[in-house]
Amino acid sequence: MAKRSITSFPYDQRLFLHASNLPLERFAESLFGKKYAKSIDRVDIGFWKIFYISTFEVLEKSIFCSIGSIDKSHRQAIKDEVTNGLDWLRRSKAKDELHGALIVTLFKLVFLLLGRLPYREKGKQRAFNTFRTLSDSQTEEQLNWLLQGYMQRHASQHGFGDFFDADYAFLTWARENKRHRSDRSAYVEWVQYKFPQTYAKFV
């Protein structure tokens, strides 16, 4: 891993005033945990530069673990954009330059993940499927985890006291129907049978 830049920022570029930006703190916590609790009080841009770099390092290490079938040129373009964006963030010596690097790189990644880099055209609509078409696939195991997470987060909306009650209800159903609780398709079938409206949101 390349050494992080510790270049000091000019005085007028050191403060990042984001008092109303609680979503940034919540995002940081979701990715790195409690070390970012109450980070809304941090206004030194050096602190947030480290966070931006750490986030891009997560992308660099993880992005191709989540992308399935992809052609070689597309893979290389995404890899180059993440690598170049990370280098740009590390080299940034001013707050505005840092945020410019962040915004441009993220925009380019969004377009790349839709199929291609942006191009000039009249109007607002673009066709990003010139070279490839974005598709989504999901295994039954993945659907199981998705449904289980949703049921646990919305247990009360499904008539349960908490997510423990929801899990117990599934285990009871699995025993009655002679299904093993580790069978990923069993949870999917339970939601489909007991909560068809919830199931329909995902399938």
N, C-alpha and C. Protein backbone atom coordinates (compact mmCIF):
# COMPACT_ATOMS: atom_id res chain seq x y z
N MET A 1 0.85 -1.19 0.00
CA MET A 1 0.00 0.00 0.00
C MET A 1 0.89 1.25 0.00
N ALA A 2 0.57 2.20 -0.88
CA ALA A 2 1.36 3.42 -0.95
C ALA A 2 1.19 4.24 0.32
N LYS A 3 2.24 4.95 0.68
CA LYS A 3 2.19 5.78 1.88
C LYS A 3 1.26 6.95 1.68
N ARG A 4 0.42 7.22 2.66
CA ARG A 4 -0.52 8.33 2.55
C ARG A 4 0.20 9.66 2.64
N SER A 5 -0.32 10.62 1.89
CA SER A 5 0.25 11.96 1.93
C SER A 5 -0.02 12.62 3.27
N ILE A 6 0.96 13.27 3.82
CA ILE A 6 0.77 14.02 5.06
C ILE A 6 1.07 15.50 4.83
N THR A 7 1.01 15.89 3.53
CA THR A 7 1.26 17.28 3.17
C THR A 7 0.26 18.18 3.88
N SER A 8 0.76 19.22 4.52
CA SER A 8 -0.12 20.15 5.22
C SER A 8 -0.85 21.04 4.23
N PHE A 9 -2.06 21.42 4.59
CA PHE A 9 -2.87 22.27 3.73
C PHE A 9 -2.61 23.74 4.05
N PRO A 10 -2.72 24.63 3.03
CA PRO A 10 -2.64 26.07 3.31
C PRO A 10 -3.70 26.45 4.33
N TYR A 11 -3.45 27.50 5.08
CA TYR A 11 -4.34 27.89 6.18
C TYR A 11 -5.77 28.06 5.73
N ASP A 12 -5.99 28.71 4.57
CA ASP A 12 -7.35 28.99 4.11
C ASP A 12 -8.03 27.75 3.52
N GLN A 13 -7.32 26.64 3.49
CA GLN A 13 -7.88 25.41 2.92
C GLN A 13 -8.01 24.31 3.96
N ARG A 14 -7.83 24.64 5.24
CA ARG A 14 -7.80 23.61 6.27
C ARG A 14 -9.16 23.24 6.83
N LEU A 15 -10.13 24.14 6.71
CA LEU A 15 -11.43 23.90 7.35
C LEU A 15 -12.45 23.37 6.36
N PHE A 16 -13.16 22.32 6.78
CA PHE A 16 -14.25 21.74 6.00
C PHE A 16 -15.50 21.87 6.85
N LEU A 17 -16.27 22.94 6.62
CA LEU A 17 -17.44 23.24 7.44
C LEU A 17 -18.63 22.43 6.92
N HIS A 18 -19.01 21.44 7.68
CA HIS A 18 -20.06 20.52 7.25
C HIS A 18 -21.01 20.22 8.40
N ALA A 19 -21.33 21.24 9.19
CA ALA A 19 -22.11 21.05 10.41
C ALA A 19 -23.45 20.35 10.16
N SER A 20 -24.02 20.54 8.97
CA SER A 20 -25.31 19.91 8.69
C SER A 20 -25.16 18.60 7.92
N ASN A 21 -23.92 18.14 7.80
CA ASN A 21 -23.65 16.98 6.95
C ASN A 21 -23.58 15.69 7.76
N LEU A 22 -24.59 15.43 8.56
CA LEU A 22 -24.63 14.20 9.35
C LEU A 22 -24.57 12.95 8.48
N PRO A 23 -25.15 12.95 7.26
CA PRO A 23 -25.03 11.75 6.42
C PRO A 23 -23.59 11.34 6.16
N LEU A 24 -22.65 12.29 6.09
CA LEU A 24 -21.24 11.95 5.89
C LEU A 24 -20.71 11.16 7.08
N GLU A 25 -21.06 11.60 8.28
CA GLU A 25 -20.64 10.87 9.49
C GLU A 25 -21.24 9.47 9.49
N ARG A 26 -22.52 9.36 9.15
CA ARG A 26 -23.18 8.06 9.17
C ARG A 26 -22.58 7.12 8.13
N PHE A 27 -22.23 7.67 6.98
CA PHE A 27 -21.60 6.85 5.95
C PHE A 27 -20.24 6.36 6.43
N ALA A 28 -19.47 7.25 7.04
CA ALA A 28 -18.14 6.87 7.55
C ALA A 28 -18.27 5.78 8.60
N GLU A 29 -19.26 5.91 9.48
CA GLU A 29 -19.48 4.89 10.52
C GLU A 29 -19.88 3.55 9.90
N SER A 30 -20.71 3.61 8.86
CA SER A 30 -21.16 2.36 8.24
C SER A 30 -20.01 1.60 7.59
N LEU A 31 -18.97 2.33 7.19
CA LEU A 31 -17.84 1.71 6.51
C LEU A 31 -16.71 1.34 7.45
N PHE A 32 -16.46 2.20 8.46
CA PHE A 32 -15.29 2.00 9.31
C PHE A 32 -15.59 1.91 10.81
N GLY A 33 -16.86 2.02 11.19
CA GLY A 33 -17.21 1.80 12.58
C GLY A 33 -17.17 3.03 13.46
N LYS A 34 -17.11 2.76 14.77
CA LYS A 34 -17.28 3.80 15.77
C LYS A 34 -16.16 4.84 15.81
N LYS A 35 -15.06 4.57 15.14
CA LYS A 35 -13.97 5.56 15.12
C LYS A 35 -14.44 6.87 14.50
N TYR A 36 -15.54 6.82 13.73
CA TYR A 36 -16.06 8.04 13.11
C TYR A 36 -17.29 8.58 13.83
N ALA A 37 -17.62 8.02 14.99
CA ALA A 37 -18.72 8.57 15.78
C ALA A 37 -18.39 9.99 16.19
N LYS A 38 -19.37 10.88 16.07
CA LYS A 38 -19.21 12.31 16.39
C LYS A 38 -18.18 13.00 15.50
N SER A 39 -17.89 12.41 14.35
CA SER A 39 -16.94 13.05 13.43
C SER A 39 -17.53 14.28 12.77
N ILE A 40 -18.85 14.50 12.98
CA ILE A 40 -19.45 15.72 12.46
C ILE A 40 -18.79 16.96 13.05
N ASP A 41 -18.14 16.80 14.21
CA ASP A 41 -17.46 17.92 14.86
C ASP A 41 -16.08 18.17 14.28
N ARG A 42 -15.60 17.27 13.43
CA ARG A 42 -14.27 17.45 12.86
C ARG A 42 -14.33 18.33 11.62
N VAL A 43 -13.64 19.45 11.67
CA VAL A 43 -13.66 20.38 10.54
C VAL A 43 -12.30 20.48 9.85
N ASP A 44 -11.30 19.74 10.36
CA ASP A 44 -9.99 19.79 9.72
C ASP A 44 -9.99 18.91 8.48
N ILE A 45 -9.67 19.47 7.35
CA ILE A 45 -9.76 18.75 6.09
C ILE A 45 -8.80 17.58 6.02
N GLY A 46 -7.69 17.65 6.76
CA GLY A 46 -6.76 16.54 6.78
C GLY A 46 -7.41 15.26 7.29
N PHE A 47 -8.28 15.41 8.28
CA PHE A 47 -9.02 14.26 8.83
C PHE A 47 -9.88 13.63 7.75
N TRP A 48 -10.58 14.46 6.96
CA TRP A 48 -11.47 13.94 5.94
C TRP A 48 -10.70 13.44 4.73
N LYS A 49 -9.52 14.00 4.48
CA LYS A 49 -8.70 13.47 3.39
C LYS A 49 -8.35 12.02 3.67
N ILE A 50 -7.97 11.72 4.90
CA ILE A 50 -7.65 10.35 5.27
C ILE A 50 -8.86 9.44 5.06
N PHE A 51 -10.05 9.95 5.41
CA PHE A 51 -11.27 9.17 5.21
C PHE A 51 -11.53 8.91 3.73
N TYR A 52 -11.40 9.94 2.90
CA TYR A 52 -11.62 9.77 1.46
C TYR A 52 -10.65 8.72 0.90
N ILE A 53 -9.38 8.83 1.27
CA ILE A 53 -8.38 7.89 0.77
C ILE A 53 -8.69 6.47 1.24
N SER A 54 -9.05 6.34 2.51
CA SER A 54 -9.39 5.01 3.05
C SER A 54 -10.57 4.41 2.30
N THR A 55 -11.56 5.25 1.97
CA THR A 55 -12.74 4.77 1.25
C THR A 55 -12.35 4.28 -0.14
N PHE A 56 -11.49 5.04 -0.82
CA PHE A 56 -11.05 4.61 -2.15
C PHE A 56 -10.19 3.36 -2.07
N GLU A 57 -9.45 3.19 -0.99
CA GLU A 57 -8.68 1.96 -0.82
C GLU A 57 -9.60 0.75 -0.66
N VAL A 58 -10.75 0.96 0.00
CA VAL A 58 -11.75 -0.10 0.09
C VAL A 58 -12.28 -0.44 -1.31
N LEU A 59 -12.58 0.60 -2.10
CA LEU A 59 -13.03 0.37 -3.47
C LEU A 59 -11.98 -0.38 -4.26
N GLU A 60 -10.73 0.04 -4.14
CA GLU A 60 -9.65 -0.57 -4.90
C GLU A 60 -9.53 -2.06 -4.61
N LYS A 61 -9.68 -2.43 -3.34
CA LYS A 61 -9.52 -3.83 -2.93
C LYS A 61 -10.78 -4.66 -3.16
N SER A 62 -11.94 -4.02 -3.27
CA SER A 62 -13.20 -4.75 -3.21
C SER A 62 -14.03 -4.74 -4.48
N ILE A 63 -13.80 -3.80 -5.36
CA ILE A 63 -14.75 -3.57 -6.45
C ILE A 63 -14.95 -4.78 -7.34
N PHE A 64 -13.87 -5.52 -7.63
CA PHE A 64 -14.01 -6.64 -8.54
C PHE A 64 -14.47 -7.92 -7.84
N CYS A 65 -14.57 -7.86 -6.52
CA CYS A 65 -15.17 -8.98 -5.78
C CYS A 65 -16.68 -8.95 -5.94
N SER A 66 -17.23 -7.79 -6.28
CA SER A 66 -18.67 -7.61 -6.37
C SER A 66 -19.18 -7.56 -7.80
N ILE A 67 -18.26 -7.40 -8.77
CA ILE A 67 -18.66 -7.35 -10.17
C ILE A 67 -18.46 -8.72 -10.78
N GLY A 68 -19.49 -9.24 -11.44
CA GLY A 68 -19.41 -10.56 -12.04
C GLY A 68 -18.73 -10.53 -13.39
N SER A 69 -19.44 -10.98 -14.41
CA SER A 69 -18.90 -11.04 -15.76
C SER A 69 -18.66 -9.63 -16.30
N ILE A 70 -17.46 -9.40 -16.80
CA ILE A 70 -17.11 -8.06 -17.30
C ILE A 70 -15.99 -8.21 -18.33
N ASP A 71 -16.08 -7.46 -19.44
CA ASP A 71 -15.04 -7.59 -20.46
C ASP A 71 -13.74 -6.92 -20.01
N LYS A 72 -12.64 -7.33 -20.62
CA LYS A 72 -11.31 -6.91 -20.16
C LYS A 72 -11.10 -5.41 -20.23
N SER A 73 -11.58 -4.78 -21.31
CA SER A 73 -11.36 -3.34 -21.45
C SER A 73 -12.15 -2.56 -20.41
N HIS A 74 -13.36 -3.05 -20.09
CA HIS A 74 -14.18 -2.38 -19.07
C HIS A 74 -13.53 -2.53 -17.70
N ARG A 75 -13.06 -3.73 -17.39
CA ARG A 75 -12.37 -3.98 -16.12
C ARG A 75 -11.16 -3.06 -15.97
N GLN A 76 -10.37 -2.94 -17.05
CA GLN A 76 -9.18 -2.11 -16.99
C GLN A 76 -9.53 -0.64 -16.82
N ALA A 77 -10.59 -0.18 -17.49
CA ALA A 77 -11.00 1.22 -17.38
C ALA A 77 -11.43 1.54 -15.95
N ILE A 78 -12.20 0.64 -15.32
CA ILE A 78 -12.63 0.85 -13.94
C ILE A 78 -11.44 0.84 -13.00
N LYS A 79 -10.55 -0.13 -13.19
CA LYS A 79 -9.36 -0.24 -12.36
C LYS A 79 -8.50 1.02 -12.46
N ASP A 80 -8.30 1.51 -13.69
CA ASP A 80 -7.49 2.71 -13.89
C ASP A 80 -8.13 3.93 -13.23
N GLU A 81 -9.45 4.04 -13.31
CA GLU A 81 -10.13 5.20 -12.73
C GLU A 81 -9.99 5.21 -11.22
N VAL A 82 -10.14 4.05 -10.58
CA VAL A 82 -9.98 3.97 -9.13
C VAL A 82 -8.53 4.28 -8.74
N THR A 83 -7.57 3.70 -9.46
CA THR A 83 -6.16 3.92 -9.15
C THR A 83 -5.76 5.37 -9.35
N ASN A 84 -6.17 5.96 -10.48
CA ASN A 84 -5.82 7.35 -10.77
C ASN A 84 -6.50 8.30 -9.79
N GLY A 85 -7.76 8.00 -9.44
CA GLY A 85 -8.47 8.83 -8.47
C GLY A 85 -7.80 8.79 -7.11
N LEU A 86 -7.35 7.62 -6.71
CA LEU A 86 -6.67 7.46 -5.43
C LEU A 86 -5.36 8.24 -5.41
N ASP A 87 -4.62 8.15 -6.48
CA ASP A 87 -3.36 8.91 -6.58
C ASP A 87 -3.62 10.41 -6.54
N TRP A 88 -4.67 10.85 -7.21
CA TRP A 88 -5.03 12.27 -7.25
C TRP A 88 -5.41 12.75 -5.85
N LEU A 89 -6.18 11.97 -5.14
CA LEU A 89 -6.55 12.34 -3.76
C LEU A 89 -5.30 12.45 -2.88
N ARG A 90 -4.39 11.52 -3.01
CA ARG A 90 -3.17 11.53 -2.19
C ARG A 90 -2.30 12.76 -2.49
N ARG A 91 -2.29 13.19 -3.76
CA ARG A 91 -1.45 14.32 -4.15
C ARG A 91 -2.08 15.67 -3.81
N SER A 92 -3.37 15.70 -3.58
CA SER A 92 -4.07 16.97 -3.39
C SER A 92 -3.50 17.74 -2.21
N LYS A 93 -3.28 19.05 -2.43
CA LYS A 93 -2.68 19.90 -1.40
C LYS A 93 -3.60 21.03 -0.97
N ALA A 94 -4.83 21.01 -1.47
CA ALA A 94 -5.80 22.03 -1.10
C ALA A 94 -7.18 21.41 -1.01
N LYS A 95 -8.01 21.98 -0.17
CA LYS A 95 -9.36 21.44 0.05
C LYS A 95 -10.15 21.38 -1.25
N ASP A 96 -10.11 22.45 -2.03
CA ASP A 96 -10.88 22.50 -3.26
C ASP A 96 -10.35 21.48 -4.27
N GLU A 97 -9.04 21.32 -4.34
CA GLU A 97 -8.45 20.32 -5.23
C GLU A 97 -8.88 18.92 -4.80
N LEU A 98 -8.87 18.67 -3.49
CA LEU A 98 -9.26 17.37 -2.95
C LEU A 98 -10.70 17.03 -3.33
N HIS A 99 -11.60 17.99 -3.11
CA HIS A 99 -13.00 17.73 -3.43
C HIS A 99 -13.24 17.67 -4.93
N GLY A 100 -12.47 18.41 -5.70
CA GLY A 100 -12.57 18.31 -7.15
C GLY A 100 -12.18 16.91 -7.62
N ALA A 101 -11.09 16.39 -7.05
CA ALA A 101 -10.65 15.03 -7.40
C ALA A 101 -11.70 14.01 -7.03
N LEU A 102 -12.30 14.19 -5.87
CA LEU A 102 -13.32 13.26 -5.38
C LEU A 102 -14.54 13.27 -6.29
N ILE A 103 -15.03 14.46 -6.60
CA ILE A 103 -16.25 14.59 -7.40
C ILE A 103 -16.05 14.04 -8.82
N VAL A 104 -14.97 14.44 -9.47
CA VAL A 104 -14.72 14.00 -10.84
C VAL A 104 -14.55 12.49 -10.91
N THR A 105 -13.77 11.94 -9.99
CA THR A 105 -13.53 10.49 -10.01
C THR A 105 -14.81 9.71 -9.77
N LEU A 106 -15.61 10.14 -8.80
CA LEU A 106 -16.85 9.42 -8.52
C LEU A 106 -17.83 9.53 -9.67
N PHE A 107 -17.94 10.72 -10.30
CA PHE A 107 -18.82 10.85 -11.46
C PHE A 107 -18.38 9.91 -12.58
N LYS A 108 -17.07 9.87 -12.86
CA LYS A 108 -16.57 9.01 -13.93
C LYS A 108 -16.82 7.54 -13.63
N LEU A 109 -16.67 7.17 -12.36
CA LEU A 109 -16.95 5.78 -11.98
C LEU A 109 -18.42 5.42 -12.16
N VAL A 110 -19.30 6.36 -11.82
CA VAL A 110 -20.73 6.11 -12.00
C VAL A 110 -21.03 5.84 -13.46
N PHE A 111 -20.51 6.68 -14.35
CA PHE A 111 -20.76 6.50 -15.78
C PHE A 111 -20.12 5.21 -16.29
N LEU A 112 -18.90 4.92 -15.83
CA LEU A 112 -18.24 3.69 -16.26
C LEU A 112 -19.03 2.46 -15.84
N LEU A 113 -19.56 2.48 -14.63
CA LEU A 113 -20.32 1.34 -14.14
C LEU A 113 -21.66 1.20 -14.85
N LEU A 114 -22.10 2.27 -15.52
CA LEU A 114 -23.29 2.19 -16.37
C LEU A 114 -22.95 1.67 -17.76
N GLY A 115 -21.65 1.67 -18.09
CA GLY A 115 -21.24 1.11 -19.38
C GLY A 115 -20.13 1.82 -20.10
N ARG A 116 -20.02 3.15 -19.93
CA ARG A 116 -18.97 3.89 -20.64
C ARG A 116 -18.80 5.27 -20.02
N LEU A 117 -17.70 5.92 -20.35
CA LEU A 117 -17.46 7.29 -19.88
C LEU A 117 -18.42 8.25 -20.58
N PRO A 118 -18.68 9.42 -19.98
CA PRO A 118 -19.63 10.36 -20.59
C PRO A 118 -19.14 10.91 -21.92
N TYR A 119 -20.08 11.34 -22.74
CA TYR A 119 -19.75 11.93 -24.03
C TYR A 119 -20.71 13.08 -24.29
N ARG A 120 -20.29 13.98 -25.17
CA ARG A 120 -21.07 15.18 -25.46
C ARG A 120 -22.19 14.86 -26.44
N GLU A 121 -23.38 15.39 -26.12
CA GLU A 121 -24.55 15.18 -26.96
C GLU A 121 -25.58 16.25 -26.61
N LYS A 122 -26.45 16.59 -27.57
CA LYS A 122 -27.51 17.55 -27.29
C LYS A 122 -28.51 16.95 -26.32
N GLY A 123 -29.06 17.78 -25.45
CA GLY A 123 -30.05 17.30 -24.50
C GLY A 123 -29.41 16.63 -23.30
N LYS A 124 -30.24 16.06 -22.44
CA LYS A 124 -29.77 15.46 -21.19
C LYS A 124 -29.65 13.94 -21.27
N GLN A 125 -30.39 13.31 -22.15
CA GLN A 125 -30.38 11.84 -22.19
C GLN A 125 -29.19 11.31 -22.97
N ARG A 126 -28.58 10.24 -22.43
CA ARG A 126 -27.45 9.58 -23.09
C ARG A 126 -27.72 8.08 -23.12
N ALA A 127 -27.11 7.40 -24.09
CA ALA A 127 -27.16 5.94 -24.15
C ALA A 127 -25.79 5.41 -23.74
N PHE A 128 -25.72 4.84 -22.57
CA PHE A 128 -24.44 4.35 -22.07
C PHE A 128 -24.24 2.86 -22.36
N ASN A 129 -25.11 2.29 -23.20
CA ASN A 129 -24.98 0.89 -23.56
C ASN A 129 -24.36 0.69 -24.94
N THR A 130 -23.56 1.68 -25.40
CA THR A 130 -22.92 1.60 -26.71
C THR A 130 -22.01 0.38 -26.81
N PHE A 131 -21.26 0.12 -25.74
CA PHE A 131 -20.24 -0.94 -25.76
C PHE A 131 -20.65 -2.18 -24.97
N ARG A 132 -21.55 -2.02 -24.04
CA ARG A 132 -21.98 -3.14 -23.18
C ARG A 132 -23.28 -2.77 -22.50
N THR A 133 -24.03 -3.76 -22.03
CA THR A 133 -25.30 -3.53 -21.36
C THR A 133 -25.20 -3.96 -19.91
N LEU A 134 -25.57 -3.08 -19.02
CA LEU A 134 -25.54 -3.38 -17.59
C LEU A 134 -26.62 -4.40 -17.26
N SER A 135 -26.24 -5.45 -16.55
CA SER A 135 -27.21 -6.46 -16.12
C SER A 135 -26.95 -6.80 -14.65
N ASP A 136 -27.95 -7.42 -14.03
CA ASP A 136 -27.87 -7.74 -12.61
C ASP A 136 -28.27 -9.19 -12.42
N SER A 137 -27.53 -9.93 -11.63
CA SER A 137 -27.89 -11.31 -11.35
C SER A 137 -27.89 -11.53 -9.84
N GLN A 138 -28.65 -12.50 -9.41
CA GLN A 138 -28.79 -12.76 -7.98
C GLN A 138 -29.03 -14.24 -7.74
N THR A 139 -28.21 -14.85 -6.88
CA THR A 139 -28.41 -16.24 -6.53
C THR A 139 -29.48 -16.32 -5.44
N GLU A 140 -29.97 -17.54 -5.21
CA GLU A 140 -30.97 -17.71 -4.15
C GLU A 140 -30.37 -17.40 -2.78
N GLU A 141 -29.09 -17.71 -2.62
CA GLU A 141 -28.43 -17.39 -1.35
C GLU A 141 -28.38 -15.89 -1.13
N GLN A 142 -28.08 -15.14 -2.18
CA GLN A 142 -28.05 -13.68 -2.06
C GLN A 142 -29.43 -13.13 -1.75
N LEU A 143 -30.45 -13.69 -2.40
CA LEU A 143 -31.83 -13.26 -2.12
C LEU A 143 -32.19 -13.56 -0.67
N ASN A 144 -31.74 -14.71 -0.18
CA ASN A 144 -31.98 -15.07 1.21
C ASN A 144 -31.41 -14.03 2.16
N TRP A 145 -30.16 -13.64 1.95
CA TRP A 145 -29.54 -12.64 2.83
C TRP A 145 -30.25 -11.29 2.72
N LEU A 146 -30.66 -10.95 1.51
CA LEU A 146 -31.36 -9.68 1.31
C LEU A 146 -32.69 -9.67 2.06
N LEU A 147 -33.45 -10.74 1.93
CA LEU A 147 -34.74 -10.84 2.61
C LEU A 147 -34.58 -10.91 4.12
N GLN A 148 -33.59 -11.66 4.57
CA GLN A 148 -33.37 -11.79 6.01
C GLN A 148 -33.01 -10.45 6.63
N GLY A 149 -32.14 -9.71 5.97
CA GLY A 149 -31.77 -8.39 6.47
C GLY A 149 -32.97 -7.45 6.50
N TYR A 150 -33.78 -7.50 5.46
CA TYR A 150 -34.97 -6.64 5.41
C TYR A 150 -35.96 -7.00 6.51
N MET A 151 -36.19 -8.29 6.70
CA MET A 151 -37.13 -8.73 7.74
C MET A 151 -36.65 -8.33 9.13
N GLN A 152 -35.36 -8.43 9.37
CA GLN A 152 -34.82 -8.06 10.68
C GLN A 152 -34.94 -6.56 10.93
N ARG A 153 -34.71 -5.77 9.89
CA ARG A 153 -34.80 -4.31 10.04
C ARG A 153 -36.24 -3.83 10.15
N HIS A 154 -37.18 -4.61 9.62
CA HIS A 154 -38.59 -4.19 9.60
C HIS A 154 -39.46 -5.22 10.32
N ALA A 155 -38.93 -5.78 11.39
CA ALA A 155 -39.66 -6.83 12.12
C ALA A 155 -41.02 -6.36 12.61
N SER A 156 -41.07 -5.16 13.18
CA SER A 156 -42.33 -4.67 13.75
C SER A 156 -43.40 -4.47 12.69
N GLN A 157 -42.99 -4.14 11.47
CA GLN A 157 -43.95 -3.95 10.38
C GLN A 157 -44.58 -5.27 9.94
N HIS A 158 -43.95 -6.37 10.35
CA HIS A 158 -44.46 -7.69 9.98
C HIS A 158 -45.09 -8.39 11.19
N GLY A 159 -45.37 -7.63 12.25
CA GLY A 159 -46.07 -8.18 13.40
C GLY A 159 -45.20 -8.83 14.45
N PHE A 160 -43.86 -8.59 14.38
CA PHE A 160 -42.95 -9.18 15.36
C PHE A 160 -42.47 -8.11 16.34
N GLY A 161 -42.13 -8.55 17.55
CA GLY A 161 -41.64 -7.61 18.55
C GLY A 161 -40.25 -7.10 18.21
N ASP A 162 -39.40 -7.99 17.71
CA ASP A 162 -38.05 -7.61 17.30
C ASP A 162 -37.55 -8.67 16.32
N PHE A 163 -36.30 -8.52 15.89
CA PHE A 163 -35.80 -9.45 14.87
C PHE A 163 -35.59 -10.86 15.42
N PHE A 164 -35.44 -10.99 16.75
CA PHE A 164 -35.36 -12.33 17.34
C PHE A 164 -36.68 -13.08 17.15
N ASP A 165 -37.79 -12.36 17.33
CA ASP A 165 -39.11 -12.96 17.13
C ASP A 165 -39.29 -13.40 15.68
N ALA A 166 -38.79 -12.56 14.76
CA ALA A 166 -38.91 -12.91 13.34
C ALA A 166 -38.11 -14.16 13.02
N ASP A 167 -36.90 -14.25 13.55
CA ASP A 167 -36.07 -15.43 13.32
C ASP A 167 -36.70 -16.68 13.94
N TYR A 168 -37.30 -16.52 15.12
CA TYR A 168 -37.94 -17.66 15.78
C TYR A 168 -39.15 -18.15 14.97
N ALA A 169 -39.89 -17.22 14.42
CA ALA A 169 -41.04 -17.59 13.59
C ALA A 169 -40.60 -18.40 12.38
N PHE A 170 -39.48 -17.99 11.78
CA PHE A 170 -38.96 -18.76 10.64
C PHE A 170 -38.53 -20.15 11.08
N LEU A 171 -37.82 -20.25 12.20
CA LEU A 171 -37.35 -21.56 12.69
C LEU A 171 -38.53 -22.49 12.98
N THR A 172 -39.60 -21.92 13.55
CA THR A 172 -40.80 -22.72 13.82
C THR A 172 -41.40 -23.24 12.52
N TRP A 173 -41.51 -22.37 11.53
CA TRP A 173 -42.04 -22.77 10.22
C TRP A 173 -41.15 -23.83 9.57
N ALA A 174 -39.82 -23.65 9.68
CA ALA A 174 -38.88 -24.61 9.08
C ALA A 174 -39.03 -26.00 9.71
N ARG A 175 -39.19 -26.05 11.04
CA ARG A 175 -39.38 -27.34 11.71
C ARG A 175 -40.68 -28.01 11.27
N GLU A 176 -41.74 -27.21 11.20
CA GLU A 176 -43.04 -27.75 10.82
C GLU A 176 -43.04 -28.29 9.39
N ASN A 177 -42.21 -27.68 8.56
CA ASN A 177 -42.16 -28.08 7.15
C ASN A 177 -40.94 -28.94 6.82
N LYS A 178 -40.27 -29.40 7.91
CA LYS A 178 -39.12 -30.30 7.75
C LYS A 178 -38.06 -29.70 6.82
N ARG A 179 -37.78 -28.43 7.05
CA ARG A 179 -36.73 -27.74 6.29
C ARG A 179 -35.60 -27.38 7.23
N HIS A 180 -34.38 -27.55 6.77
CA HIS A 180 -33.24 -27.21 7.60
C HIS A 180 -33.03 -25.70 7.58
N ARG A 181 -32.73 -25.14 8.74
CA ARG A 181 -32.61 -23.67 8.81
C ARG A 181 -31.44 -23.14 7.99
N SER A 182 -30.47 -23.99 7.67
CA SER A 182 -29.33 -23.54 6.86
C SER A 182 -29.63 -23.58 5.37
N ASP A 183 -30.78 -24.13 5.01
CA ASP A 183 -31.19 -24.17 3.60
C ASP A 183 -31.61 -22.77 3.18
N ARG A 184 -30.82 -22.16 2.32
CA ARG A 184 -31.06 -20.76 1.94
C ARG A 184 -32.41 -20.59 1.24
N SER A 185 -32.85 -21.60 0.53
CA SER A 185 -34.13 -21.46 -0.17
C SER A 185 -35.31 -21.48 0.81
N ALA A 186 -35.10 -22.07 2.00
CA ALA A 186 -36.19 -22.17 2.97
C ALA A 186 -36.65 -20.79 3.43
N TYR A 187 -35.71 -19.91 3.73
CA TYR A 187 -36.09 -18.57 4.20
C TYR A 187 -36.83 -17.81 3.11
N VAL A 188 -36.36 -17.97 1.88
CA VAL A 188 -37.02 -17.31 0.75
C VAL A 188 -38.47 -17.80 0.64
N GLU A 189 -38.66 -19.10 0.76
CA GLU A 189 -40.00 -19.67 0.66
C GLU A 189 -40.89 -19.22 1.83
N TRP A 190 -40.30 -19.11 3.00
CA TRP A 190 -41.07 -18.65 4.17
C TRP A 190 -41.60 -17.24 3.96
N VAL A 191 -40.74 -16.35 3.49
CA VAL A 191 -41.17 -14.97 3.22
C VAL A 191 -42.22 -14.95 2.12
N GLN A 192 -41.99 -15.75 1.07
CA GLN A 192 -42.95 -15.79 -0.04
C GLN A 192 -44.32 -16.28 0.43
N TYR A 193 -44.34 -17.26 1.32
CA TYR A 193 -45.59 -17.84 1.80
C TYR A 193 -46.28 -16.95 2.83
N LYS A 194 -45.49 -16.43 3.79
CA LYS A 194 -46.07 -15.66 4.90
C LYS A 194 -46.26 -14.18 4.57
N PHE A 195 -45.37 -13.64 3.77
CA PHE A 195 -45.42 -12.20 3.50
C PHE A 195 -45.25 -11.95 1.99
N PRO A 196 -46.23 -12.33 1.20
CA PRO A 196 -46.10 -12.22 -0.25
C PRO A 196 -45.87 -10.78 -0.76
N GLN A 197 -46.42 -9.80 -0.04
CA GLN A 197 -46.21 -8.42 -0.47
C GLN A 197 -44.75 -8.01 -0.30
N THR A 198 -44.14 -8.47 0.79
CA THR A 198 -42.72 -8.19 0.99
C THR A 198 -41.88 -8.91 -0.05
N TYR A 199 -42.21 -10.17 -0.30
CA TYR A 199 -41.49 -10.96 -1.30
C TYR A 199 -41.56 -10.28 -2.67
N ALA A 200 -42.73 -9.73 -3.00
CA ALA A 200 -42.92 -9.10 -4.30
C ALA A 200 -42.05 -7.85 -4.49
N LYS A 201 -41.60 -7.26 -3.40
CA LYS A 201 -40.74 -6.08 -3.51
C LYS A 201 -39.35 -6.43 -4.05
N PHE A 202 -38.97 -7.69 -3.93
CA PHE A 202 -37.61 -8.09 -4.26
C PHE A 202 -37.51 -9.03 -5.46
N VAL A 203 -38.62 -9.61 -5.86
CA VAL A 203 -38.58 -10.59 -6.95
C VAL A 203 -39.53 -10.18 -8.07
